[in-house]
Amino acid sequence: MREQANGQVLLPTIATWIVLDDITNETTFPSVGPRSSSSAFQQIYWQCLLGFFVSSLKQNPRYRHVLFCNKGLADVEYLPVPAMLLTLGVELVELPITYRLPQGAVSKWGNQFYILDIVDFIARTDWPAIIVTDADCVWLKSADGIARALQSEPILAYTLTAPEDLCREGDKPINGMTRNRMGEIVAMIIGDKSLKAPPYHGGEFFAASQMGCRTLSDQTRTLWSRAVEECFMEDSIKEEAHFLSILYAANAVPNYSANPFIRRMWTAFKYWNLRPLDAELTLWHLPAEKRLGFRRFYKEIRRPSSRFRQIDAAAAQEIIGHYMGYPRRSLTKLILDALQKLADHTAAHVAKLGK
């Protein structure tokens, strides 16, 4: 990372993103719904976005905060949150999405390659570094630890571990691609056929210096051509995590370098993996809370006079934990979650009957 003349490290920008799909390119997101173009779907992400930025600004008031979006404010249907973000000092960067697989290649997570547009964008700027996470993340601590790690490593990787690493067996696909196939592509890139299947890195966290972004950006076009060419093959690149895992392996990015800072934490009724050590993390990624904890957290923080807005950074984890079910789901949250799940199921059933 670059330093100022006085020797101080320039802080990375903290960012997240939202792609507002239209009906021609909508896909399914299992934890949210089947129609990524619908206003109801996008509203869920807007609510998560407010939680992301309010929690980060609480912990990281010195850092620049940016929201990347493929549309400008004039084209946004759910206006309350963008207006709130502007009052908080969050910058909105309108950035078109150019990385999409051909229509029909994937039915899920069709806009996840947007991170590649963001990497290309950073490679062209003078921003010293970037931290980009999914919107369904909340900040518990300062990003200073991540900033320090980026001084020695140009790219940090969040490497999934068992049991979340569903493709730890090389021939077992996760979201449409096996680690063995990833390894074959990496071997072609670096010319080393002895390479074994690389690890799978989660796409919910990306952190890199400007130089790291330039390295990845320079290699992206070639790999993207292969992804498009092979997109209808059964075992091929289907999501951003596949793409980044290949690039990280090709560039010898250290495994687990981001794991001290973030973890994919599941709070679903069918799968729960929270642990005491999660209290020490910088960020929590909570995919199962998009419709639950984040929705209720949004109702709390949308008011400038809310309790969360008034407390100091040290007290934030307790309130966030209350909404997200950490260290365990309270009886009140259990009841509210069950009622919300029932309401969502009923609404989906009624929608099917109406077709």
Protein backbone atom coordinates (compact mmCIF):
# COMPACT_ATOMS: atom_id res chain seq x y z
CA MET A 1 0.00 0.00 0.00
CA ARG A 2 1.06 3.53 -0.68
CA GLU A 3 2.12 5.86 2.10
CA GLN A 4 1.77 9.57 2.53
CA ALA A 5 4.87 11.77 2.81
CA ASN A 6 4.64 11.61 6.61
CA GLY A 7 4.80 7.81 6.52
CA GLN A 8 1.16 7.20 7.39
CA VAL A 9 -0.57 4.40 5.48
CA LEU A 10 -3.34 5.53 3.15
CA LEU A 11 -6.53 3.79 4.23
CA PRO A 12 -8.35 1.42 1.89
CA THR A 13 -11.83 2.35 0.71
CA ILE A 14 -14.65 0.32 2.26
CA ALA A 15 -17.31 -0.64 -0.26
CA THR A 16 -20.19 -2.88 -1.15
CA TRP A 17 -22.39 -3.09 -4.24
CA ILE A 18 -25.84 -3.66 -5.63
CA VAL A 19 -26.80 -4.62 -9.17
CA LEU A 20 -30.37 -3.70 -10.10
CA ASP A 21 -31.33 -6.35 -12.62
CA ASP A 22 -34.15 -5.91 -15.07
CA ILE A 23 -36.50 -8.64 -16.25
CA THR A 24 -34.26 -9.59 -19.20
CA ASN A 25 -31.36 -10.68 -16.98
CA GLU A 26 -33.02 -11.68 -13.71
CA THR A 27 -31.91 -14.86 -11.94
CA THR A 28 -32.62 -16.62 -8.67
CA PHE A 29 -30.87 -15.94 -5.37
CA PRO A 30 -31.85 -18.83 -3.06
CA SER A 31 -31.64 -16.83 0.18
CA VAL A 32 -33.73 -13.97 -1.22
CA GLY A 33 -36.06 -15.06 -4.00
CA PRO A 34 -36.53 -16.11 -7.61
CA ARG A 35 -36.78 -12.73 -9.34
CA SER A 36 -33.77 -10.46 -8.90
CA SER A 37 -35.51 -7.79 -10.99
CA SER A 38 -38.43 -7.34 -8.60
CA SER A 39 -38.64 -4.30 -6.33
CA ALA A 40 -39.37 -6.59 -3.34
CA PHE A 41 -36.15 -8.51 -4.01
CA GLN A 42 -34.05 -5.37 -4.40
CA GLN A 43 -35.59 -3.77 -1.32
CA ILE A 44 -34.13 -6.58 0.79
CA TYR A 45 -30.66 -5.70 -0.45
CA TRP A 46 -31.19 -1.98 0.11
CA GLN A 47 -32.06 -2.74 3.72
CA CYS A 48 -28.92 -4.86 4.10
CA LEU A 49 -26.88 -2.04 2.58
CA LEU A 50 -27.93 0.39 5.26
CA GLY A 51 -26.89 -2.10 7.94
CA PHE A 52 -23.53 -2.60 6.24
CA PHE A 53 -22.72 1.11 6.05
CA VAL A 54 -24.12 2.22 9.40
CA SER A 55 -22.19 -0.54 11.19
CA SER A 56 -19.01 0.26 9.24
CA LEU A 57 -19.24 4.00 9.84
CA LYS A 58 -19.61 3.22 13.53
CA GLN A 59 -16.30 1.30 13.50
CA ASN A 60 -14.49 3.10 10.67
CA PRO A 61 -15.30 6.82 10.74
CA ARG A 62 -11.91 7.72 9.16
CA TYR A 63 -12.42 5.54 6.10
CA ARG A 64 -13.91 6.42 2.75
CA HIS A 65 -17.16 4.55 2.07
CA VAL A 66 -18.48 3.78 -1.42
CA LEU A 67 -21.51 2.04 -2.88
CA PHE A 68 -21.13 0.69 -6.41
CA CYS A 69 -24.36 0.43 -8.41
CA ASN A 70 -25.07 -0.23 -12.07
CA LYS A 71 -27.74 2.50 -12.12
CA GLY A 72 -27.87 6.15 -11.09
CA LEU A 73 -30.10 7.55 -8.37
CA ALA A 74 -32.70 8.66 -10.90
CA ASP A 75 -33.25 5.01 -11.89
CA VAL A 76 -33.52 3.61 -8.35
CA GLU A 77 -37.05 2.63 -7.31
CA TYR A 78 -36.42 2.18 -3.59
CA LEU A 79 -35.16 5.69 -2.86
CA PRO A 80 -35.14 5.99 0.98
CA VAL A 81 -31.88 4.08 1.47
CA PRO A 82 -29.77 5.86 -1.21
CA ALA A 83 -30.91 9.19 0.26
CA MET A 84 -29.94 8.01 3.74
CA LEU A 85 -26.53 6.88 2.50
CA LEU A 86 -25.84 10.28 1.00
CA THR A 87 -26.62 11.97 4.32
CA LEU A 88 -24.16 9.56 5.98
CA GLY A 89 -21.40 10.59 3.57
CA VAL A 90 -21.37 7.38 1.51
CA GLU A 91 -20.31 7.98 -2.10
CA LEU A 92 -22.41 6.41 -4.84
CA VAL A 93 -20.40 5.29 -7.87
CA GLU A 94 -22.45 4.43 -10.95
CA LEU A 95 -20.61 1.59 -12.66
CA PRO A 96 -22.16 -0.48 -15.49
CA ILE A 97 -22.07 -4.26 -15.19
CA THR A 98 -20.19 -5.71 -18.15
CA TYR A 99 -19.39 -9.19 -16.87
CA ARG A 100 -22.41 -11.45 -17.35
CA LEU A 101 -22.40 -14.98 -18.72
CA PRO A 102 -24.59 -15.52 -21.79
CA GLN A 103 -28.29 -15.84 -21.05
CA GLY A 104 -29.25 -19.34 -19.97
CA ALA A 105 -25.76 -20.28 -18.77
CA VAL A 106 -26.73 -19.86 -15.11
CA SER A 107 -30.04 -19.71 -13.28
CA LYS A 108 -28.61 -18.46 -9.96
CA TRP A 109 -26.50 -15.48 -8.87
CA GLY A 110 -26.34 -14.04 -12.37
CA ASN A 111 -24.88 -10.66 -11.40
CA GLN A 112 -22.12 -11.82 -9.04
CA PHE A 113 -19.34 -11.17 -11.56
CA TYR A 114 -19.88 -7.45 -10.92
CA ILE A 115 -16.87 -7.64 -8.61
CA LEU A 116 -14.73 -7.92 -11.77
CA ASP A 117 -16.04 -4.56 -12.96
CA ILE A 118 -15.13 -3.13 -9.57
CA VAL A 119 -11.61 -4.60 -9.79
CA ASP A 120 -11.18 -3.08 -13.26
CA PHE A 121 -12.42 0.26 -11.91
CA ILE A 122 -9.94 0.28 -9.00
CA ALA A 123 -7.10 -0.69 -11.34
CA ARG A 124 -7.76 2.51 -13.29
CA THR A 125 -7.95 4.83 -10.27
CA ASP A 126 -5.43 6.15 -7.77
CA TRP A 127 -7.22 4.56 -4.82
CA PRO A 128 -4.56 2.88 -2.68
CA ALA A 129 -6.65 -0.19 -1.78
CA ILE A 130 -10.20 -1.49 -1.57
CA ILE A 131 -12.24 -3.69 0.78
CA VAL A 132 -15.42 -4.95 -0.89
CA THR A 133 -17.89 -7.30 0.79
CA ASP A 134 -21.38 -8.53 0.13
CA ALA A 135 -24.17 -6.32 1.45
CA ASP A 136 -25.28 -8.91 4.02
CA CYS A 137 -22.20 -8.24 6.15
CA VAL A 138 -21.96 -6.18 9.34
CA TRP A 139 -18.91 -4.59 10.92
CA LEU A 140 -17.97 -5.39 14.52
CA LYS A 141 -14.49 -3.87 14.65
CA SER A 142 -12.23 -1.41 12.90
CA ALA A 143 -10.84 -2.24 9.46
CA ASP A 144 -7.34 -1.28 10.68
CA GLY A 145 -6.29 -4.94 10.88
CA ILE A 146 -7.26 -5.50 7.27
CA ALA A 147 -5.44 -2.30 6.27
CA ARG A 148 -2.27 -3.53 8.00
CA ALA A 149 -2.53 -6.93 6.30
CA LEU A 150 -2.75 -5.21 2.91
CA GLN A 151 0.60 -3.56 3.57
CA SER A 152 2.33 -6.93 3.22
CA GLU A 153 -0.05 -8.80 0.91
CA PRO A 154 -1.48 -7.17 -2.22
CA ILE A 155 -4.50 -9.52 -2.17
CA LEU A 156 -6.25 -11.15 0.79
CA ALA A 157 -8.25 -14.36 0.35
CA TYR A 158 -11.12 -15.68 2.46
CA THR A 159 -10.64 -19.43 2.19
CA LEU A 160 -13.57 -21.64 3.11
CA THR A 161 -12.92 -24.41 5.62
CA ALA A 162 -14.90 -27.51 6.52
CA PRO A 163 -17.82 -27.88 6.70
CA GLU A 164 -18.58 -24.74 4.67
CA ASP A 165 -16.07 -25.78 1.97
CA LEU A 166 -18.51 -28.04 0.18
CA CYS A 167 -16.06 -28.80 -2.63
CA ARG A 168 -13.12 -29.78 -0.44
CA GLU A 169 -13.21 -33.10 -2.31
CA GLY A 170 -11.69 -32.19 -5.65
CA ASP A 171 -14.31 -33.98 -7.75
CA LYS A 172 -17.33 -32.64 -5.86
CA PRO A 173 -18.91 -29.57 -7.52
CA ILE A 174 -20.00 -26.50 -5.63
CA ASN A 175 -22.33 -24.18 -7.50
CA GLY A 176 -21.42 -25.84 -10.77
CA MET A 177 -17.65 -26.29 -10.68
CA THR A 178 -15.19 -28.71 -9.06
CA ARG A 179 -11.82 -27.87 -7.58
CA ASN A 180 -10.23 -30.38 -9.97
CA ARG A 181 -11.50 -28.34 -12.93
CA MET A 182 -10.27 -25.14 -11.30
CA GLY A 183 -6.86 -26.76 -10.99
CA GLU A 184 -6.81 -27.68 -14.68
CA ILE A 185 -7.43 -24.05 -15.65
CA VAL A 186 -4.81 -22.76 -13.21
CA ALA A 187 -2.29 -25.24 -14.63
CA MET A 188 -2.96 -23.91 -18.13
CA ILE A 189 -2.46 -20.33 -16.92
CA ILE A 190 0.84 -20.91 -15.11
CA GLY A 191 2.13 -23.81 -17.20
CA ASP A 192 2.49 -26.21 -14.26
CA LYS A 193 0.50 -29.40 -14.78
CA SER A 194 1.60 -30.80 -11.43
CA LEU A 195 -0.65 -28.36 -9.57
CA LYS A 196 -3.34 -29.99 -7.47
CA ALA A 197 -6.89 -28.73 -7.01
CA PRO A 198 -6.74 -25.24 -5.46
CA PRO A 199 -8.84 -24.25 -2.44
CA TYR A 200 -12.20 -22.56 -2.84
CA HIS A 201 -12.29 -18.92 -1.77
CA GLY A 202 -15.53 -17.21 -0.78
CA GLY A 203 -16.62 -14.35 -3.00
CA GLU A 204 -18.27 -12.40 -0.20
CA PHE A 205 -14.97 -10.72 0.72
CA PHE A 206 -12.47 -9.02 -1.57
CA ALA A 207 -9.54 -6.93 -0.38
CA ALA A 208 -6.61 -5.81 -2.49
CA SER A 209 -4.20 -2.98 -3.02
CA GLN A 210 -4.32 -1.02 -6.26
CA MET A 211 -1.38 -3.09 -7.50
CA GLY A 212 -3.25 -6.27 -6.62
CA CYS A 213 -6.28 -5.06 -8.56
CA ARG A 214 -4.10 -4.23 -11.55
CA THR A 215 -2.62 -7.74 -11.51
CA LEU A 216 -6.06 -9.36 -11.45
CA SER A 217 -7.51 -6.94 -13.98
CA ASP A 218 -4.74 -7.68 -16.46
CA GLN A 219 -5.58 -11.39 -16.29
CA THR A 220 -9.36 -11.09 -16.16
CA ARG A 221 -10.09 -10.65 -19.87
CA THR A 222 -8.30 -13.86 -20.87
CA LEU A 223 -9.96 -15.92 -18.16
CA TRP A 224 -13.33 -14.32 -18.89
CA SER A 225 -13.09 -15.41 -22.53
CA ARG A 226 -12.61 -18.97 -21.32
CA ALA A 227 -15.52 -18.65 -18.87
CA VAL A 228 -17.85 -17.52 -21.67
CA GLU A 229 -16.57 -20.16 -24.07
CA GLU A 230 -17.15 -22.98 -21.55
CA CYS A 231 -20.21 -21.58 -19.76
CA PHE A 232 -22.60 -24.29 -20.98
CA MET A 233 -20.28 -27.10 -19.90
CA GLU A 234 -21.39 -28.97 -16.80
CA ASP A 235 -18.14 -28.33 -14.89
CA SER A 236 -17.18 -24.72 -15.57
CA ILE A 237 -16.98 -21.23 -14.09
CA LYS A 238 -20.46 -20.27 -12.91
CA GLU A 239 -19.85 -17.66 -10.19
CA GLU A 240 -17.36 -15.07 -9.03
CA ALA A 241 -15.91 -17.35 -6.35
CA HIS A 242 -14.82 -19.85 -9.02
CA PHE A 243 -13.25 -17.04 -11.03
CA LEU A 244 -11.41 -15.47 -8.09
CA SER A 245 -10.26 -18.85 -6.74
CA ILE A 246 -8.58 -19.56 -10.08
CA LEU A 247 -6.91 -16.15 -10.24
CA TYR A 248 -5.77 -16.36 -6.61
CA ALA A 249 -4.18 -19.77 -7.20
CA ALA A 250 -2.51 -18.57 -10.40
CA ASN A 251 -0.99 -15.65 -8.47
CA ALA A 252 -0.04 -17.67 -5.37
CA VAL A 253 -2.25 -15.57 -3.11
CA PRO A 254 -1.79 -16.93 0.44
CA ASN A 255 -4.70 -19.06 1.58
CA TYR A 256 -6.62 -18.00 4.72
CA SER A 257 -5.12 -14.50 4.70
CA ALA A 258 -8.56 -12.93 5.25
CA ASN A 259 -9.92 -15.60 7.60
CA PRO A 260 -8.91 -13.74 10.78
CA PHE A 261 -11.31 -10.96 9.75
CA ILE A 262 -14.48 -12.51 8.32
CA ARG A 263 -16.50 -15.71 8.39
CA ARG A 264 -19.58 -17.04 6.64
CA MET A 265 -21.92 -17.54 9.60
CA TRP A 266 -25.09 -19.57 9.11
CA THR A 267 -28.08 -18.94 11.35
CA ALA A 268 -30.73 -20.91 9.42
CA PHE A 269 -33.07 -23.30 11.18
CA LYS A 270 -31.52 -26.22 9.27
CA TYR A 271 -27.90 -25.18 9.71
CA TRP A 272 -26.34 -23.14 12.51
CA ASN A 273 -22.55 -22.74 12.87
CA LEU A 274 -21.92 -19.81 15.23
CA ARG A 275 -19.07 -20.11 17.74
CA PRO A 276 -17.59 -18.02 20.60
CA LEU A 277 -14.51 -17.07 18.50
CA ASP A 278 -16.77 -15.17 16.09
CA ALA A 279 -16.91 -12.35 18.62
CA GLU A 280 -13.28 -11.55 17.71
CA LEU A 281 -13.96 -11.13 13.97
CA THR A 282 -13.99 -7.78 12.18
CA LEU A 283 -17.00 -8.65 10.03
CA TRP A 284 -19.83 -11.14 10.09
CA HIS A 285 -21.29 -12.47 6.85
CA LEU A 286 -24.86 -13.57 7.59
CA PRO A 287 -26.56 -14.89 4.43
CA ALA A 288 -29.58 -16.36 6.24
CA GLU A 289 -30.42 -13.05 7.94
CA LYS A 290 -31.25 -11.03 4.80
CA ARG A 291 -35.00 -11.39 5.32
CA LEU A 292 -34.80 -11.65 9.10
CA GLY A 293 -32.17 -9.91 11.23
CA PHE A 294 -31.20 -7.36 8.59
CA ARG A 295 -34.84 -6.40 8.05
CA ARG A 296 -35.37 -5.69 11.75
CA PHE A 297 -31.95 -4.07 12.11
CA TYR A 298 -32.94 -1.74 9.27
CA LYS A 299 -36.06 -0.67 11.17
CA GLU A 300 -33.80 0.22 14.10
CA ILE A 301 -31.08 2.15 12.26
CA ARG A 302 -33.14 4.04 9.68
CA ARG A 303 -33.88 6.64 12.37
CA PRO A 304 -30.96 9.00 13.16
CA SER A 305 -32.14 9.02 16.77
CA SER A 306 -32.08 5.23 17.09
CA ARG A 307 -30.23 3.62 19.96
CA PHE A 308 -27.63 2.05 17.67
CA ARG A 309 -26.79 5.38 16.08
CA GLN A 310 -26.11 6.87 19.54
CA ILE A 311 -23.96 4.18 21.17
CA ASP A 312 -20.18 3.98 20.90
CA ALA A 313 -18.38 1.45 18.72
CA ALA A 314 -17.59 -0.89 21.62
CA ALA A 315 -21.27 -1.44 22.38
CA ALA A 316 -22.30 -2.19 18.81
CA GLN A 317 -21.73 -5.94 18.85
CA GLU A 318 -24.36 -6.55 21.53
CA ILE A 319 -27.10 -4.84 19.54
CA ILE A 320 -26.06 -6.44 16.25
CA GLY A 321 -25.93 -9.82 17.96
CA HIS A 322 -29.44 -9.27 19.29
CA TYR A 323 -30.81 -8.83 15.76
CA MET A 324 -28.66 -11.52 14.10
CA GLY A 325 -28.95 -14.23 16.76
CA TYR A 326 -25.45 -14.15 18.23
CA PRO A 327 -24.28 -15.90 20.35
CA ARG A 328 -27.61 -17.73 20.14
CA ARG A 329 -31.10 -17.02 18.84
CA SER A 330 -33.31 -15.58 21.59
CA LEU A 331 -36.86 -16.83 22.10
CA THR A 332 -38.20 -13.56 20.72
CA LYS A 333 -36.06 -13.85 17.60
CA LEU A 334 -37.03 -17.50 17.21
CA ILE A 335 -40.72 -16.58 17.19
CA LEU A 336 -40.26 -13.59 14.88
CA ASP A 337 -38.10 -15.62 12.48
CA ALA A 338 -40.62 -18.46 12.38
CA LEU A 339 -43.49 -16.05 11.71
CA GLN A 340 -41.51 -14.34 8.94
CA LYS A 341 -40.63 -17.68 7.36
CA LEU A 342 -44.31 -18.67 7.45
CA ALA A 343 -45.33 -15.34 5.89
CA ASP A 344 -42.71 -15.71 3.13
CA HIS A 345 -43.80 -19.28 2.42
CA THR A 346 -47.45 -18.25 2.26
CA ALA A 347 -46.70 -15.33 -0.06
CA ALA A 348 -44.69 -17.57 -2.38
CA HIS A 349 -47.51 -20.13 -2.46
CA VAL A 350 -50.11 -17.46 -3.25
CA ALA A 351 -47.88 -16.08 -6.01
CA LYS A 352 -47.65 -19.55 -7.59
CA LEU A 353 -51.44 -19.96 -7.49
CA GLY A 354 -51.83 -16.61 -9.22
CA LYS A 355 -49.77 -17.64 -12.23
